[in-house]
Amino acid sequence: HYAAHVAMGCASSVDEAAKNAQISRDLAEGASKDMQEVKLLLLGPGGSGKTTFRRQFQNLFSLTFEKAKARREVTPRIFQNLNEGLKSACKRMLADGGDFD
């Protein structure tokens, strides 16, 4: 019976080692993907333009545009809207005595 338990223990540790190796590979792959992503947290009350900002950003950088010409036509306007919105938010924050930290 002792030999059977030892053999089972070895098989179990081999299975665990394989599982650990797979988990390590999965974690490394996930970390690599995370390093390629930029995440932005938009905070603000309802009606402050968070959804509009997100939609414009998606329109600008998503692959849903089928034609490059359409993208070239809307890109300047989207950048202008984003720029104006960020300027407005910064001005409001300064006017309210806010701190950028």
N, C-alpha and C. Protein backbone atom coordinates (compact mmCIF):
# COMPACT_ATOMS: atom_id res chain seq x y z
N HIS A 1 0.82 -1.20 0.00
CA HIS A 1 0.00 0.00 0.00
C HIS A 1 0.85 1.26 0.00
N TYR A 2 2.01 1.20 0.66
CA TYR A 2 2.88 2.37 0.74
C TYR A 2 3.36 2.78 -0.66
N ALA A 3 3.74 1.83 -1.50
CA ALA A 3 4.22 2.12 -2.85
C ALA A 3 3.12 2.77 -3.68
N ALA A 4 1.88 2.33 -3.49
CA ALA A 4 0.77 2.91 -4.23
C ALA A 4 0.57 4.37 -3.82
N HIS A 5 0.69 4.66 -2.53
CA HIS A 5 0.53 6.04 -2.06
C HIS A 5 1.65 6.93 -2.58
N VAL A 6 2.87 6.41 -2.62
CA VAL A 6 4.00 7.19 -3.13
C VAL A 6 3.80 7.48 -4.61
N ALA A 7 3.40 6.48 -5.37
CA ALA A 7 3.17 6.67 -6.80
C ALA A 7 2.05 7.68 -7.02
N MET A 8 0.99 7.58 -6.23
CA MET A 8 -0.11 8.52 -6.37
C MET A 8 0.35 9.92 -5.99
N GLY A 9 1.16 10.02 -4.96
CA GLY A 9 1.68 11.31 -4.55
C GLY A 9 2.52 11.95 -5.62
N CYS A 10 3.34 11.17 -6.30
CA CYS A 10 4.18 11.68 -7.38
C CYS A 10 3.32 12.15 -8.54
N ALA A 11 2.33 11.36 -8.89
CA ALA A 11 1.45 11.73 -9.99
C ALA A 11 0.72 13.02 -9.64
N SER A 12 0.30 13.12 -8.40
CA SER A 12 -0.41 14.31 -7.96
C SER A 12 0.49 15.54 -8.05
N SER A 13 1.74 15.41 -7.62
CA SER A 13 2.64 16.56 -7.66
C SER A 13 3.00 16.92 -9.10
N VAL A 14 3.04 15.93 -9.99
CA VAL A 14 3.29 16.21 -11.41
C VAL A 14 2.11 16.99 -11.98
N ASP A 15 0.89 16.57 -11.63
CA ASP A 15 -0.30 17.28 -12.08
C ASP A 15 -0.31 18.71 -11.55
N GLU A 16 0.04 18.87 -10.28
CA GLU A 16 0.06 20.20 -9.68
C GLU A 16 1.13 21.07 -10.34
N ALA A 17 2.27 20.49 -10.64
CA ALA A 17 3.34 21.25 -11.30
C ALA A 17 2.89 21.71 -12.68
N ALA A 18 2.19 20.84 -13.40
CA ALA A 18 1.69 21.21 -14.73
C ALA A 18 0.65 22.32 -14.61
N LYS A 19 -0.23 22.22 -13.62
CA LYS A 19 -1.24 23.26 -13.40
C LYS A 19 -0.57 24.58 -13.04
N ASN A 20 0.43 24.53 -12.16
CA ASN A 20 1.14 25.74 -11.76
C ASN A 20 1.84 26.39 -12.95
N ALA A 21 2.43 25.57 -13.79
CA ALA A 21 3.11 26.09 -14.98
C ALA A 21 2.11 26.76 -15.91
N GLN A 22 0.94 26.15 -16.09
CA GLN A 22 -0.09 26.74 -16.95
C GLN A 22 -0.59 28.06 -16.37
N ILE A 23 -0.80 28.10 -15.07
CA ILE A 23 -1.25 29.33 -14.42
C ILE A 23 -0.20 30.43 -14.60
N SER A 24 1.06 30.07 -14.44
CA SER A 24 2.14 31.05 -14.61
C SER A 24 2.16 31.59 -16.04
N ARG A 25 1.98 30.71 -17.02
CA ARG A 25 1.94 31.15 -18.42
C ARG A 25 0.76 32.08 -18.66
N ASP A 26 -0.40 31.72 -18.11
CA ASP A 26 -1.59 32.55 -18.28
C ASP A 26 -1.40 33.93 -17.66
N LEU A 27 -0.80 33.97 -16.47
CA LEU A 27 -0.55 35.25 -15.81
C LEU A 27 0.42 36.11 -16.60
N ALA A 28 1.46 35.49 -17.13
CA ALA A 28 2.44 36.23 -17.93
C ALA A 28 1.79 36.78 -19.19
N GLU A 29 0.94 35.99 -19.82
CA GLU A 29 0.24 36.43 -21.03
C GLU A 29 -0.69 37.60 -20.71
N GLY A 30 -1.41 37.48 -19.60
CA GLY A 30 -2.32 38.56 -19.19
C GLY A 30 -1.56 39.84 -18.87
N ALA A 31 -0.41 39.72 -18.21
CA ALA A 31 0.39 40.89 -17.88
C ALA A 31 0.91 41.55 -19.15
N SER A 32 1.28 40.75 -20.13
CA SER A 32 1.75 41.29 -21.40
C SER A 32 0.65 42.07 -22.10
N LYS A 33 -0.56 41.54 -22.09
CA LYS A 33 -1.69 42.23 -22.71
C LYS A 33 -2.01 43.53 -21.98
N ASP A 34 -1.95 43.50 -20.63
CA ASP A 34 -2.22 44.69 -19.84
C ASP A 34 -1.21 45.80 -20.13
N MET A 35 0.02 45.43 -20.40
CA MET A 35 1.06 46.42 -20.69
C MET A 35 0.79 47.13 -22.01
N GLN A 36 0.02 46.52 -22.88
CA GLN A 36 -0.28 47.11 -24.19
C GLN A 36 -1.54 47.97 -24.16
N GLU A 37 -2.26 47.96 -23.07
CA GLU A 37 -3.50 48.71 -22.96
C GLU A 37 -3.28 49.97 -22.14
N VAL A 38 -4.01 51.00 -22.51
CA VAL A 38 -4.03 52.23 -21.74
C VAL A 38 -5.44 52.35 -21.18
N LYS A 39 -5.53 52.51 -19.88
CA LYS A 39 -6.84 52.62 -19.25
C LYS A 39 -7.02 54.03 -18.71
N LEU A 40 -8.23 54.54 -18.83
CA LEU A 40 -8.53 55.89 -18.41
C LEU A 40 -9.79 55.85 -17.56
N LEU A 41 -9.71 56.39 -16.36
CA LEU A 41 -10.85 56.44 -15.47
C LEU A 41 -11.48 57.81 -15.57
N LEU A 42 -12.71 57.87 -16.00
CA LEU A 42 -13.42 59.14 -16.13
C LEU A 42 -14.34 59.31 -14.92
N LEU A 43 -14.10 60.35 -14.17
CA LEU A 43 -14.91 60.64 -12.99
C LEU A 43 -15.68 61.93 -13.21
N GLY A 44 -16.85 61.99 -12.64
CA GLY A 44 -17.64 63.21 -12.72
C GLY A 44 -19.10 62.91 -12.51
N PRO A 45 -19.86 63.94 -12.22
CA PRO A 45 -21.30 63.74 -12.00
C PRO A 45 -22.01 63.43 -13.31
N GLY A 46 -23.23 62.96 -13.19
CA GLY A 46 -24.04 62.69 -14.37
C GLY A 46 -24.20 63.95 -15.19
N GLY A 47 -24.16 63.81 -16.50
CA GLY A 47 -24.33 64.96 -17.38
C GLY A 47 -23.06 65.75 -17.61
N SER A 48 -21.92 65.25 -17.13
CA SER A 48 -20.66 66.00 -17.29
C SER A 48 -19.94 65.66 -18.58
N GLY A 49 -20.42 64.68 -19.34
CA GLY A 49 -19.83 64.38 -20.63
C GLY A 49 -18.95 63.15 -20.68
N LYS A 50 -19.01 62.32 -19.63
CA LYS A 50 -18.16 61.12 -19.61
C LYS A 50 -18.51 60.18 -20.77
N THR A 51 -19.77 59.96 -20.99
CA THR A 51 -20.20 59.05 -22.05
C THR A 51 -19.88 59.64 -23.42
N THR A 52 -20.09 60.93 -23.57
CA THR A 52 -19.77 61.60 -24.84
C THR A 52 -18.28 61.47 -25.13
N PHE A 53 -17.45 61.70 -24.12
CA PHE A 53 -16.01 61.56 -24.27
C PHE A 53 -15.65 60.15 -24.71
N ARG A 54 -16.24 59.16 -24.04
CA ARG A 54 -15.96 57.76 -24.37
C ARG A 54 -16.38 57.44 -25.80
N ARG A 55 -17.55 57.89 -26.20
CA ARG A 55 -18.04 57.62 -27.56
C ARG A 55 -17.16 58.27 -28.62
N GLN A 56 -16.77 59.51 -28.37
CA GLN A 56 -15.91 60.18 -29.34
C GLN A 56 -14.56 59.48 -29.44
N PHE A 57 -14.05 59.06 -28.32
CA PHE A 57 -12.78 58.34 -28.32
C PHE A 57 -12.91 57.03 -29.08
N GLN A 58 -14.02 56.31 -28.86
CA GLN A 58 -14.25 55.06 -29.58
C GLN A 58 -14.38 55.33 -31.08
N ASN A 59 -15.08 56.37 -31.44
CA ASN A 59 -15.22 56.70 -32.85
C ASN A 59 -13.88 57.00 -33.49
N LEU A 60 -13.03 57.63 -32.73
CA LEU A 60 -11.73 58.01 -33.26
C LEU A 60 -10.80 56.82 -33.41
N PHE A 61 -10.80 55.91 -32.44
CA PHE A 61 -9.79 54.87 -32.42
C PHE A 61 -10.31 53.45 -32.66
N SER A 62 -11.61 53.28 -32.77
CA SER A 62 -12.12 51.93 -32.99
C SER A 62 -11.97 51.54 -34.45
N LEU A 63 -12.14 50.27 -34.70
CA LEU A 63 -12.00 49.76 -36.07
C LEU A 63 -13.35 49.66 -36.77
N THR A 64 -14.36 50.35 -36.23
CA THR A 64 -15.68 50.25 -36.83
C THR A 64 -15.80 51.08 -38.11
N PHE A 65 -14.94 52.05 -38.29
CA PHE A 65 -14.98 52.81 -39.54
C PHE A 65 -14.50 51.91 -40.66
N GLU A 66 -15.30 51.81 -41.69
CA GLU A 66 -14.94 50.94 -42.79
C GLU A 66 -14.06 51.65 -43.80
N LYS A 67 -14.17 52.93 -43.88
CA LYS A 67 -13.41 53.65 -44.89
C LYS A 67 -12.46 54.64 -44.23
N ALA A 68 -11.23 54.63 -44.67
CA ALA A 68 -10.24 55.55 -44.11
C ALA A 68 -10.61 57.00 -44.39
N LYS A 69 -11.25 57.26 -45.52
CA LYS A 69 -11.65 58.63 -45.86
C LYS A 69 -12.61 59.19 -44.82
N ALA A 70 -13.57 58.38 -44.39
CA ALA A 70 -14.52 58.83 -43.37
C ALA A 70 -13.80 59.17 -42.08
N ARG A 71 -12.82 58.36 -41.73
CA ARG A 71 -12.06 58.61 -40.51
C ARG A 71 -11.29 59.93 -40.62
N ARG A 72 -10.65 60.14 -41.76
CA ARG A 72 -9.89 61.38 -41.94
C ARG A 72 -10.79 62.61 -41.85
N GLU A 73 -12.03 62.46 -42.29
CA GLU A 73 -12.95 63.60 -42.26
C GLU A 73 -13.40 63.94 -40.85
N VAL A 74 -13.61 62.96 -40.01
CA VAL A 74 -14.14 63.24 -38.67
C VAL A 74 -13.07 63.43 -37.61
N THR A 75 -11.86 62.97 -37.86
CA THR A 75 -10.81 63.04 -36.85
C THR A 75 -10.54 64.45 -36.34
N PRO A 76 -10.39 65.46 -37.21
CA PRO A 76 -10.12 66.81 -36.68
C PRO A 76 -11.22 67.32 -35.75
N ARG A 77 -12.46 67.04 -36.09
CA ARG A 77 -13.58 67.50 -35.26
C ARG A 77 -13.58 66.79 -33.90
N ILE A 78 -13.31 65.52 -33.90
CA ILE A 78 -13.28 64.78 -32.64
C ILE A 78 -12.15 65.30 -31.75
N PHE A 79 -10.97 65.52 -32.33
CA PHE A 79 -9.87 66.06 -31.54
C PHE A 79 -10.23 67.45 -31.00
N GLN A 80 -10.88 68.25 -31.80
CA GLN A 80 -11.30 69.58 -31.36
C GLN A 80 -12.28 69.46 -30.18
N ASN A 81 -13.24 68.56 -30.29
CA ASN A 81 -14.20 68.37 -29.21
C ASN A 81 -13.52 67.89 -27.93
N LEU A 82 -12.61 66.93 -28.07
CA LEU A 82 -11.89 66.44 -26.89
C LEU A 82 -11.06 67.55 -26.26
N ASN A 83 -10.38 68.32 -27.07
CA ASN A 83 -9.54 69.41 -26.58
C ASN A 83 -10.39 70.45 -25.85
N GLU A 84 -11.49 70.86 -26.45
CA GLU A 84 -12.36 71.85 -25.83
C GLU A 84 -12.95 71.33 -24.52
N GLY A 85 -13.34 70.06 -24.51
CA GLY A 85 -13.90 69.48 -23.29
C GLY A 85 -12.89 69.42 -22.16
N LEU A 86 -11.67 69.03 -22.48
CA LEU A 86 -10.63 68.97 -21.45
C LEU A 86 -10.26 70.36 -20.95
N LYS A 87 -10.19 71.34 -21.85
CA LYS A 87 -9.91 72.72 -21.44
C LYS A 87 -11.01 73.23 -20.51
N SER A 88 -12.24 72.94 -20.88
CA SER A 88 -13.37 73.38 -20.08
C SER A 88 -13.34 72.75 -18.68
N ALA A 89 -13.03 71.47 -18.63
CA ALA A 89 -12.95 70.78 -17.34
C ALA A 89 -11.84 71.37 -16.47
N CYS A 90 -10.69 71.64 -17.08
CA CYS A 90 -9.57 72.22 -16.33
C CYS A 90 -9.90 73.62 -15.83
N LYS A 91 -10.52 74.45 -16.69
CA LYS A 91 -10.91 75.80 -16.28
C LYS A 91 -11.89 75.75 -15.11
N ARG A 92 -12.84 74.85 -15.20
CA ARG A 92 -13.84 74.72 -14.13
C ARG A 92 -13.18 74.28 -12.83
N MET A 93 -12.25 73.38 -12.94
CA MET A 93 -11.55 72.89 -11.75
C MET A 93 -10.75 74.02 -11.10
N LEU A 94 -10.07 74.82 -11.92
CA LEU A 94 -9.30 75.95 -11.39
C LEU A 94 -10.23 76.99 -10.78
N ALA A 95 -11.36 77.25 -11.43
CA ALA A 95 -12.31 78.25 -10.92
C ALA A 95 -12.89 77.80 -9.58
N ASP A 96 -13.06 76.51 -9.40
CA ASP A 96 -13.59 75.99 -8.14
C ASP A 96 -12.52 75.86 -7.08
N GLY A 97 -11.30 76.26 -7.41
CA GLY A 97 -10.21 76.16 -6.45
C GLY A 97 -9.70 74.74 -6.29
N GLY A 98 -9.99 73.90 -7.28
CA GLY A 98 -9.59 72.50 -7.23
C GLY A 98 -8.10 72.31 -7.39
N ASP A 99 -7.69 71.15 -7.03
CA ASP A 99 -6.28 70.80 -7.13
C ASP A 99 -6.16 69.64 -8.10
N PHE A 100 -5.15 69.64 -8.95
CA PHE A 100 -4.98 68.62 -9.95
C PHE A 100 -4.36 67.34 -9.40
N ASP A 101 -4.02 67.30 -8.14
CA ASP A 101 -3.40 66.10 -7.56
C ASP A 101 -4.40 65.06 -7.32
